[in-house]
Amino acid sequence: MSKKVSFEQSTGPVIILVRPQMAENIGMVARAMMNCTLSELRLVTPRESPLCAKAVAASSGAQEILEHSQIYENLSDALADVHFVLATTARPRDMTKPVFHPEKALSFCQKHIQNGEKVAILFGAERTGLENEELVPANGIIEIPLNPKHCSLNLSQAVLLIGYTWFRATSDRDNTHLAMGGSQPATQEAVQTFLTHLEQELDIRGYFHWPEKRERMQRNLRNIFIRANLTAAEIKTLYGIIADLQRPPRLKK
């Protein structure tokens, strides 16, 4: 087993790769972990070094995780300080264990971590996955729901899916936002001034030709634009559209 090093690790689950075969996959796993704020990587009898050139290149800037990864001769040693273990597998097994979808599994992980426990998630070798005896220490199974006709995932893809589920479950960010391209929201005054201008132009062209419907038509028109949460730049664009519509049609060349 490698010596432990001083490294500021996240409070997320430990990622354990059992018998990984390709250095490129180890590097891409580190990259996926860095994407999702996971930092502790353990390797059980890897075929290639996590610091070989192929692994480092595939990590795309996540070399720090590779440098601080730990290598173990067997799974028991890799799990020695772990309190709660989940294993990933796509194949049904002849054993009784709770099976969780990723969201539920990572919710359990979060509760155990909040209680001060160390949590690990196991991933098997690329070609064969985890062997039955490697599933025995697991407290549960994570099953990623995919197309049943083709549910095979690359090792790094599996880690990324689990890591992203963890990131979403623990992130305080509101991922729903409006990208405004440098513009600012239009003020109420700007919106109301534009709507008054629009109504005047429509009135000139006879749009409100049913007096009994005028109030409802104006209300509906205003609701359309107010619901759009217009930006200051969009208001300018709308003024330009109205101005162009007032000009005579241009002849096509």
C-alpha atoms as a PDB file:
ATOM      1  CA  MET A   1       0.000   0.000   0.000  1.00  0.00           C
ATOM      2  CA  SER A   2       1.285   3.484  -0.764  1.00  0.00           C
ATOM      3  CA  LYS A   3       2.050   5.985   1.973  1.00  0.00           C
ATOM      4  CA  LYS A   4      -0.644   8.498   2.806  1.00  0.00           C
ATOM      5  CA  VAL A   5       0.151  12.044   1.799  1.00  0.00           C
ATOM      6  CA  SER A   6      -0.908  15.471   2.960  1.00  0.00           C
ATOM      7  CA  PHE A   7      -3.683  16.468   0.597  1.00  0.00           C
ATOM      8  CA  GLU A   8      -6.771  18.607   1.106  1.00  0.00           C
ATOM      9  CA  GLN A   9      -9.448  16.068   0.281  1.00  0.00           C
ATOM     10  CA  SER A  10     -13.123  16.760  -0.224  1.00  0.00           C
ATOM     11  CA  THR A  11     -15.717  15.422   2.164  1.00  0.00           C
ATOM     12  CA  GLY A  12     -17.259  13.393  -0.639  1.00  0.00           C
ATOM     13  CA  PRO A  13     -17.103   9.643  -1.095  1.00  0.00           C
ATOM     14  CA  VAL A  14     -13.841   7.883  -1.870  1.00  0.00           C
ATOM     15  CA  ILE A  15     -13.680   6.516  -5.404  1.00  0.00           C
ATOM     16  CA  ILE A  16     -12.108   3.051  -5.528  1.00  0.00           C
ATOM     17  CA  LEU A  17     -11.146   1.473  -8.842  1.00  0.00           C
ATOM     18  CA  VAL A  18     -10.672  -2.273  -8.549  1.00  0.00           C
ATOM     19  CA  ARG A  19      -8.210  -3.763 -11.054  1.00  0.00           C
ATOM     20  CA  PRO A  20      -8.334  -0.891 -13.582  1.00  0.00           C
ATOM     21  CA  GLN A  21      -6.713  -1.991 -16.816  1.00  0.00           C
ATOM     22  CA  MET A  22      -6.087   1.156 -18.856  1.00  0.00           C
ATOM     23  CA  ALA A  23      -4.052   4.158 -17.769  1.00  0.00           C
ATOM     24  CA  GLU A  24      -6.212   6.408 -19.963  1.00  0.00           C
ATOM     25  CA  ASN A  25      -9.283   5.416 -17.972  1.00  0.00           C
ATOM     26  CA  ILE A  26      -7.560   6.169 -14.679  1.00  0.00           C
ATOM     27  CA  GLY A  27      -6.704   9.623 -16.006  1.00  0.00           C
ATOM     28  CA  MET A  28     -10.237  10.249 -17.265  1.00  0.00           C
ATOM     29  CA  VAL A  29     -11.634   9.113 -13.914  1.00  0.00           C
ATOM     30  CA  ALA A  30      -9.459  11.736 -12.195  1.00  0.00           C
ATOM     31  CA  ARG A  31     -10.779  14.321 -14.640  1.00  0.00           C
ATOM     32  CA  ALA A  32     -14.395  13.316 -13.901  1.00  0.00           C
ATOM     33  CA  MET A  33     -13.713  13.469 -10.169  1.00  0.00           C
ATOM     34  CA  MET A  34     -12.222  16.959 -10.423  1.00  0.00           C
ATOM     35  CA  ASN A  35     -15.291  18.067 -12.413  1.00  0.00           C
ATOM     36  CA  CYS A  36     -17.517  16.966  -9.545  1.00  0.00           C
ATOM     37  CA  THR A  37     -15.406  18.143  -6.556  1.00  0.00           C
ATOM     38  CA  LEU A  38     -14.317  14.613  -5.597  1.00  0.00           C
ATOM     39  CA  SER A  39     -10.654  14.203  -4.733  1.00  0.00           C
ATOM     40  CA  GLU A  40      -9.831  10.897  -3.021  1.00  0.00           C
ATOM     41  CA  LEU A  41      -8.918   8.136  -5.465  1.00  0.00           C
ATOM     42  CA  ARG A  42      -7.836   4.641  -4.464  1.00  0.00           C
ATOM     43  CA  LEU A  43      -6.624   1.959  -6.864  1.00  0.00           C
ATOM     44  CA  VAL A  44      -6.571  -1.779  -6.199  1.00  0.00           C
ATOM     45  CA  THR A  45      -3.867  -3.571  -8.226  1.00  0.00           C
ATOM     46  CA  PRO A  46      -3.940  -1.280 -11.266  1.00  0.00           C
ATOM     47  CA  ARG A  47      -2.288  -2.653 -14.388  1.00  0.00           C
ATOM     48  CA  GLU A  48      -0.568   0.677 -15.075  1.00  0.00           C
ATOM     49  CA  SER A  49       0.718   3.488 -12.867  1.00  0.00           C
ATOM     50  CA  PRO A  50      -1.639   6.429 -12.296  1.00  0.00           C
ATOM     51  CA  LEU A  51       1.363   8.701 -12.938  1.00  0.00           C
ATOM     52  CA  CYS A  52       2.344   7.259 -16.304  1.00  0.00           C
ATOM     53  CA  ALA A  53       2.268   9.647 -19.251  1.00  0.00           C
ATOM     54  CA  LYS A  54      -0.991   8.235 -20.680  1.00  0.00           C
ATOM     55  CA  ALA A  55      -2.873   8.677 -17.395  1.00  0.00           C
ATOM     56  CA  VAL A  56      -1.585  12.200 -16.812  1.00  0.00           C
ATOM     57  CA  ALA A  57      -2.451  13.267 -20.368  1.00  0.00           C
ATOM     58  CA  ALA A  58      -5.969  11.845 -20.089  1.00  0.00           C
ATOM     59  CA  SER A  59      -6.560  13.639 -16.776  1.00  0.00           C
ATOM     60  CA  SER A  60      -6.633  17.028 -18.590  1.00  0.00           C
ATOM     61  CA  GLY A  61      -5.445  19.078 -15.645  1.00  0.00           C
ATOM     62  CA  ALA A  62      -6.559  16.753 -12.838  1.00  0.00           C
ATOM     63  CA  GLN A  63      -3.025  15.444 -12.264  1.00  0.00           C
ATOM     64  CA  GLU A  64      -3.228  16.479  -8.606  1.00  0.00           C
ATOM     65  CA  ILE A  65      -5.729  13.700  -7.949  1.00  0.00           C
ATOM     66  CA  LEU A  66      -3.442  11.168  -9.614  1.00  0.00           C
ATOM     67  CA  GLU A  67      -0.449  12.359  -7.605  1.00  0.00           C
ATOM     68  CA  HIS A  68      -2.321  11.860  -4.353  1.00  0.00           C
ATOM     69  CA  SER A  69      -4.044   8.605  -5.281  1.00  0.00           C
ATOM     70  CA  GLN A  70      -3.279   5.545  -3.169  1.00  0.00           C
ATOM     71  CA  ILE A  71      -2.488   2.079  -4.471  1.00  0.00           C
ATOM     72  CA  TYR A  72      -3.497  -1.071  -2.585  1.00  0.00           C
ATOM     73  CA  GLU A  73      -2.647  -4.720  -3.055  1.00  0.00           C
ATOM     74  CA  ASN A  74      -6.157  -5.900  -2.173  1.00  0.00           C
ATOM     75  CA  LEU A  75      -9.657  -4.571  -1.671  1.00  0.00           C
ATOM     76  CA  SER A  76      -9.714  -5.326   2.066  1.00  0.00           C
ATOM     77  CA  ASP A  77      -6.847  -2.916   2.685  1.00  0.00           C
ATOM     78  CA  ALA A  78      -8.477  -0.261   0.510  1.00  0.00           C
ATOM     79  CA  LEU A  79     -11.649  -0.505   2.616  1.00  0.00           C
ATOM     80  CA  ALA A  80     -10.002  -0.811   6.028  1.00  0.00           C
ATOM     81  CA  ASP A  81     -10.927   2.702   7.240  1.00  0.00           C
ATOM     82  CA  VAL A  82     -14.276   2.888   5.404  1.00  0.00           C
ATOM     83  CA  HIS A  83     -17.608   2.702   7.249  1.00  0.00           C
ATOM     84  CA  PHE A  84     -20.130   2.514   4.392  1.00  0.00           C
ATOM     85  CA  VAL A  85     -19.550   0.956   0.966  1.00  0.00           C
ATOM     86  CA  LEU A  86     -21.585   1.029  -2.229  1.00  0.00           C
ATOM     87  CA  ALA A  87     -20.671  -0.927  -5.362  1.00  0.00           C
ATOM     88  CA  THR A  88     -21.597  -0.221  -8.956  1.00  0.00           C
ATOM     89  CA  THR A  89     -22.651  -3.062 -11.227  1.00  0.00           C
ATOM     90  CA  ALA A  90     -24.862  -3.483 -14.276  1.00  0.00           C
ATOM     91  CA  ARG A  91     -25.298  -7.250 -13.943  1.00  0.00           C
ATOM     92  CA  PRO A  92     -27.812  -9.003 -11.651  1.00  0.00           C
ATOM     93  CA  ARG A  93     -26.042 -11.035  -8.961  1.00  0.00           C
ATOM     94  CA  ASP A  94     -27.014 -14.081  -6.951  1.00  0.00           C
ATOM     95  CA  MET A  95     -26.920 -12.314  -3.595  1.00  0.00           C
ATOM     96  CA  THR A  96     -29.279 -10.311  -1.416  1.00  0.00           C
ATOM     97  CA  LYS A  97     -28.359  -6.637  -1.219  1.00  0.00           C
ATOM     98  CA  PRO A  98     -30.304  -3.387  -1.390  1.00  0.00           C
ATOM     99  CA  VAL A  99     -30.196  -1.816  -4.854  1.00  0.00           C
ATOM    100  CA  PHE A 100     -30.342   1.981  -5.210  1.00  0.00           C
ATOM    101  CA  HIS A 101     -30.674   4.401  -8.063  1.00  0.00           C
ATOM    102  CA  PRO A 102     -27.831   6.957  -8.009  1.00  0.00           C
ATOM    103  CA  GLU A 103     -29.886   9.760  -6.429  1.00  0.00           C
ATOM    104  CA  LYS A 104     -31.000   7.602  -3.504  1.00  0.00           C
ATOM    105  CA  ALA A 105     -27.548   6.047  -3.134  1.00  0.00           C
ATOM    106  CA  LEU A 106     -25.804   9.409  -2.916  1.00  0.00           C
ATOM    107  CA  SER A 107     -28.419  10.615  -0.424  1.00  0.00           C
ATOM    108  CA  PHE A 108     -27.431   7.708   1.829  1.00  0.00           C
ATOM    109  CA  CYS A 109     -23.763   8.588   1.310  1.00  0.00           C
ATOM    110  CA  GLN A 110     -24.416  12.174   2.353  1.00  0.00           C
ATOM    111  CA  LYS A 111     -26.106  11.103   5.594  1.00  0.00           C
ATOM    112  CA  HIS A 112     -23.229   8.798   6.530  1.00  0.00           C
ATOM    113  CA  ILE A 113     -20.657  11.492   5.759  1.00  0.00           C
ATOM    114  CA  GLN A 114     -22.574  14.020   7.861  1.00  0.00           C
ATOM    115  CA  ASN A 115     -22.326  11.518  10.730  1.00  0.00           C
ATOM    116  CA  GLY A 116     -18.548  11.587  10.406  1.00  0.00           C
ATOM    117  CA  GLU A 117     -18.251   8.279   8.552  1.00  0.00           C
ATOM    118  CA  LYS A 118     -16.028   7.556   5.554  1.00  0.00           C
ATOM    119  CA  VAL A 119     -17.909   6.374   2.480  1.00  0.00           C
ATOM    120  CA  ALA A 120     -16.516   4.591  -0.588  1.00  0.00           C
ATOM    121  CA  ILE A 121     -17.925   3.704  -3.997  1.00  0.00           C
ATOM    122  CA  LEU A 122     -16.463   0.725  -5.850  1.00  0.00           C
ATOM    123  CA  PHE A 123     -15.971   0.464  -9.608  1.00  0.00           C
ATOM    124  CA  GLY A 124     -14.776  -2.740 -11.261  1.00  0.00           C
ATOM    125  CA  ALA A 125     -12.392  -3.505 -14.082  1.00  0.00           C
ATOM    126  CA  GLU A 126     -13.326  -2.219 -17.528  1.00  0.00           C
ATOM    127  CA  ARG A 127     -14.030  -5.567 -19.158  1.00  0.00           C
ATOM    128  CA  THR A 128     -15.467  -7.656 -16.325  1.00  0.00           C
ATOM    129  CA  GLY A 129     -16.691  -5.225 -13.679  1.00  0.00           C
ATOM    130  CA  LEU A 130     -16.643  -6.271 -10.043  1.00  0.00           C
ATOM    131  CA  GLU A 131     -16.369  -9.952  -9.196  1.00  0.00           C
ATOM    132  CA  ASN A 132     -18.923 -11.461  -6.795  1.00  0.00           C
ATOM    133  CA  GLU A 133     -16.418 -11.648  -3.936  1.00  0.00           C
ATOM    134  CA  GLU A 134     -15.654  -7.947  -4.430  1.00  0.00           C
ATOM    135  CA  LEU A 135     -19.334  -7.163  -3.934  1.00  0.00           C
ATOM    136  CA  VAL A 136     -19.526  -8.954  -0.572  1.00  0.00           C
ATOM    137  CA  PRO A 137     -18.188  -5.996   1.521  1.00  0.00           C
ATOM    138  CA  ALA A 138     -20.666  -3.596  -0.084  1.00  0.00           C
ATOM    139  CA  ASN A 139     -23.607  -2.370   1.983  1.00  0.00           C
ATOM    140  CA  GLY A 140     -25.586  -1.846  -1.204  1.00  0.00           C
ATOM    141  CA  ILE A 141     -25.540  -1.720  -4.987  1.00  0.00           C
ATOM    142  CA  ILE A 142     -25.826   1.340  -7.219  1.00  0.00           C
ATOM    143  CA  GLU A 143     -27.684   0.585 -10.417  1.00  0.00           C
ATOM    144  CA  ILE A 144     -27.562   3.268 -13.116  1.00  0.00           C
ATOM    145  CA  PRO A 145     -30.811   3.083 -15.134  1.00  0.00           C
ATOM    146  CA  LEU A 146     -29.954   2.919 -18.834  1.00  0.00           C
ATOM    147  CA  ASN A 147     -31.248   1.365 -22.026  1.00  0.00           C
ATOM    148  CA  PRO A 148     -31.605  -2.333 -21.082  1.00  0.00           C
ATOM    149  CA  LYS A 149     -30.519  -3.309 -24.604  1.00  0.00           C
ATOM    150  CA  HIS A 150     -27.221  -1.466 -24.164  1.00  0.00           C
ATOM    151  CA  CYS A 151     -26.274  -0.512 -20.608  1.00  0.00           C
ATOM    152  CA  SER A 152     -22.492  -0.732 -20.946  1.00  0.00           C
ATOM    153  CA  LEU A 153     -20.557   2.321 -19.747  1.00  0.00           C
ATOM    154  CA  ASN A 154     -16.925   3.283 -19.979  1.00  0.00           C
ATOM    155  CA  LEU A 155     -15.314   3.361 -16.518  1.00  0.00           C
ATOM    156  CA  SER A 156     -14.855   7.130 -16.524  1.00  0.00           C
ATOM    157  CA  GLN A 157     -18.433   7.643 -17.739  1.00  0.00           C
ATOM    158  CA  ALA A 158     -19.733   5.648 -14.783  1.00  0.00           C
ATOM    159  CA  VAL A 159     -17.624   7.668 -12.354  1.00  0.00           C
ATOM    160  CA  LEU A 160     -18.790  10.912 -13.962  1.00  0.00           C
ATOM    161  CA  LEU A 161     -22.467   9.942 -13.641  1.00  0.00           C
ATOM    162  CA  ILE A 162     -22.072   9.057  -9.977  1.00  0.00           C
ATOM    163  CA  GLY A 163     -19.876  12.087  -9.319  1.00  0.00           C
ATOM    164  CA  TYR A 164     -22.308  14.467 -10.975  1.00  0.00           C
ATOM    165  CA  THR A 165     -25.182  13.019  -8.962  1.00  0.00           C
ATOM    166  CA  TRP A 166     -23.142  13.722  -5.834  1.00  0.00           C
ATOM    167  CA  PHE A 167     -22.302  17.244  -7.014  1.00  0.00           C
ATOM    168  CA  ARG A 168     -25.957  18.054  -7.689  1.00  0.00           C
ATOM    169  CA  ALA A 169     -27.051  16.644  -4.330  1.00  0.00           C
ATOM    170  CA  THR A 170     -24.530  18.702  -2.360  1.00  0.00           C
ATOM    171  CA  SER A 171     -24.210  21.897  -4.382  1.00  0.00           C
ATOM    172  CA  ASP A 172     -25.818  25.055  -3.030  1.00  0.00           C
ATOM    173  CA  ARG A 173     -25.928  26.617  -6.468  1.00  0.00           C
ATOM    174  CA  ASP A 174     -29.195  27.337  -8.188  1.00  0.00           C
ATOM    175  CA  ASN A 175     -28.415  25.829 -11.576  1.00  0.00           C
ATOM    176  CA  THR A 176     -31.351  27.640 -13.216  1.00  0.00           C
ATOM    177  CA  HIS A 177     -30.310  31.113 -14.297  1.00  0.00           C
ATOM    178  CA  LEU A 178     -30.636  33.484 -17.197  1.00  0.00           C
ATOM    179  CA  ALA A 179     -27.491  34.076 -19.248  1.00  0.00           C
ATOM    180  CA  MET A 180     -27.860  37.705 -20.348  1.00  0.00           C
ATOM    181  CA  GLY A 181     -24.820  38.146 -22.573  1.00  0.00           C
ATOM    182  CA  GLY A 182     -23.616  41.284 -20.779  1.00  0.00           C
ATOM    183  CA  SER A 183     -26.966  43.097 -20.908  1.00  0.00           C
ATOM    184  CA  GLN A 184     -29.039  44.158 -17.894  1.00  0.00           C
ATOM    185  CA  PRO A 185     -32.703  43.499 -17.098  1.00  0.00           C
ATOM    186  CA  ALA A 186     -34.982  46.189 -18.457  1.00  0.00           C
ATOM    187  CA  THR A 187     -36.483  48.466 -15.818  1.00  0.00           C
ATOM    188  CA  GLN A 188     -40.226  48.618 -15.333  1.00  0.00           C
ATOM    189  CA  GLU A 189     -40.186  52.145 -16.669  1.00  0.00           C
ATOM    190  CA  ALA A 190     -38.395  51.057 -19.860  1.00  0.00           C
ATOM    191  CA  VAL A 191     -40.823  48.175 -20.396  1.00  0.00           C
ATOM    192  CA  GLN A 192     -43.915  50.309 -19.811  1.00  0.00           C
ATOM    193  CA  THR A 193     -42.607  53.080 -22.082  1.00  0.00           C
ATOM    194  CA  PHE A 194     -41.970  50.555 -24.852  1.00  0.00           C
ATOM    195  CA  LEU A 195     -45.421  48.995 -24.437  1.00  0.00           C
ATOM    196  CA  THR A 196     -47.072  52.410 -24.629  1.00  0.00           C
ATOM    197  CA  HIS A 197     -45.124  53.122 -27.820  1.00  0.00           C
ATOM    198  CA  LEU A 198     -46.109  49.725 -29.267  1.00  0.00           C
ATOM    199  CA  GLU A 199     -49.788  50.279 -28.482  1.00  0.00           C
ATOM    200  CA  GLN A 200     -49.686  53.718 -30.106  1.00  0.00           C
ATOM    201  CA  GLU A 201     -48.210  52.303 -33.289  1.00  0.00           C
ATOM    202  CA  LEU A 202     -50.723  49.452 -33.340  1.00  0.00           C
ATOM    203  CA  ASP A 203     -53.553  51.935 -32.728  1.00  0.00           C
ATOM    204  CA  ILE A 204     -52.454  53.994 -35.755  1.00  0.00           C
ATOM    205  CA  ARG A 205     -52.710  50.844 -37.876  1.00  0.00           C
ATOM    206  CA  GLY A 206     -56.173  49.955 -36.595  1.00  0.00           C
ATOM    207  CA  TYR A 207     -55.146  46.933 -34.517  1.00  0.00           C
ATOM    208  CA  PHE A 208     -57.617  47.810 -31.743  1.00  0.00           C
ATOM    209  CA  HIS A 209     -60.606  48.092 -34.075  1.00  0.00           C
ATOM    210  CA  TRP A 210     -63.046  46.443 -31.639  1.00  0.00           C
ATOM    211  CA  PRO A 211     -63.601  49.024 -28.879  1.00  0.00           C
ATOM    212  CA  GLU A 212     -65.252  46.489 -26.589  1.00  0.00           C
ATOM    213  CA  LYS A 213     -62.163  44.212 -26.830  1.00  0.00           C
ATOM    214  CA  ARG A 214     -59.507  46.926 -26.593  1.00  0.00           C
ATOM    215  CA  GLU A 215     -58.842  46.635 -22.853  1.00  0.00           C
ATOM    216  CA  ARG A 216     -58.488  42.829 -22.950  1.00  0.00           C
ATOM    217  CA  MET A 217     -56.244  42.975 -26.058  1.00  0.00           C
ATOM    218  CA  GLN A 218     -53.959  45.519 -24.401  1.00  0.00           C
ATOM    219  CA  ARG A 219     -53.791  43.429 -21.258  1.00  0.00           C
ATOM    220  CA  ASN A 220     -52.902  40.272 -23.202  1.00  0.00           C
ATOM    221  CA  LEU A 221     -50.300  42.133 -25.237  1.00  0.00           C
ATOM    222  CA  ARG A 222     -48.627  43.524 -22.128  1.00  0.00           C
ATOM    223  CA  ASN A 223     -48.635  40.123 -20.432  1.00  0.00           C
ATOM    224  CA  ILE A 224     -46.772  38.598 -23.396  1.00  0.00           C
ATOM    225  CA  PHE A 225     -43.878  41.060 -23.116  1.00  0.00           C
ATOM    226  CA  ILE A 226     -43.771  41.282 -19.328  1.00  0.00           C
ATOM    227  CA  ARG A 227     -43.645  37.481 -19.063  1.00  0.00           C
ATOM    228  CA  ALA A 228     -40.572  37.519 -21.340  1.00  0.00           C
ATOM    229  CA  ASN A 229     -38.424  39.318 -18.690  1.00  0.00           C
ATOM    230  CA  LEU A 230     -36.897  41.557 -21.330  1.00  0.00           C
ATOM    231  CA  THR A 231     -33.377  42.937 -21.149  1.00  0.00           C
ATOM    232  CA  ALA A 232     -32.397  46.520 -21.972  1.00  0.00           C
ATOM    233  CA  ALA A 233     -30.772  45.300 -25.203  1.00  0.00           C
ATOM    234  CA  GLU A 234     -33.941  43.437 -26.210  1.00  0.00           C
ATOM    235  CA  ILE A 235     -36.016  46.593 -25.687  1.00  0.00           C
ATOM    236  CA  LYS A 236     -33.707  48.439 -28.122  1.00  0.00           C
ATOM    237  CA  THR A 237     -34.086  45.605 -30.629  1.00  0.00           C
ATOM    238  CA  LEU A 238     -37.885  45.802 -30.406  1.00  0.00           C
ATOM    239  CA  TYR A 239     -37.810  49.570 -30.997  1.00  0.00           C
ATOM    240  CA  GLY A 240     -35.688  48.898 -34.074  1.00  0.00           C
ATOM    241  CA  ILE A 241     -38.166  46.317 -35.365  1.00  0.00           C
ATOM    242  CA  ILE A 242     -41.054  48.766 -35.021  1.00  0.00           C
ATOM    243  CA  ALA A 243     -39.055  51.479 -36.774  1.00  0.00           C
ATOM    244  CA  ASP A 244     -38.261  49.134 -39.680  1.00  0.00           C
ATOM    245  CA  LEU A 245     -41.893  48.107 -39.992  1.00  0.00           C
ATOM    246  CA  GLN A 246     -42.818  51.775 -40.409  1.00  0.00           C
ATOM    247  CA  ARG A 247     -40.604  52.121 -43.494  1.00  0.00           C
ATOM    248  CA  PRO A 248     -41.795  51.250 -47.019  1.00  0.00           C
ATOM    249  CA  PRO A 249     -40.950  47.686 -48.093  1.00  0.00           C
ATOM    250  CA  ARG A 250     -37.556  47.331 -49.682  1.00  0.00           C
ATOM    251  CA  LEU A 251     -37.426  45.940 -53.185  1.00  0.00           C
ATOM    252  CA  LYS A 252     -35.657  42.604 -53.449  1.00  0.00           C
ATOM    253  CA  LYS A 253     -32.654  42.568 -55.745  1.00  0.00           C
END
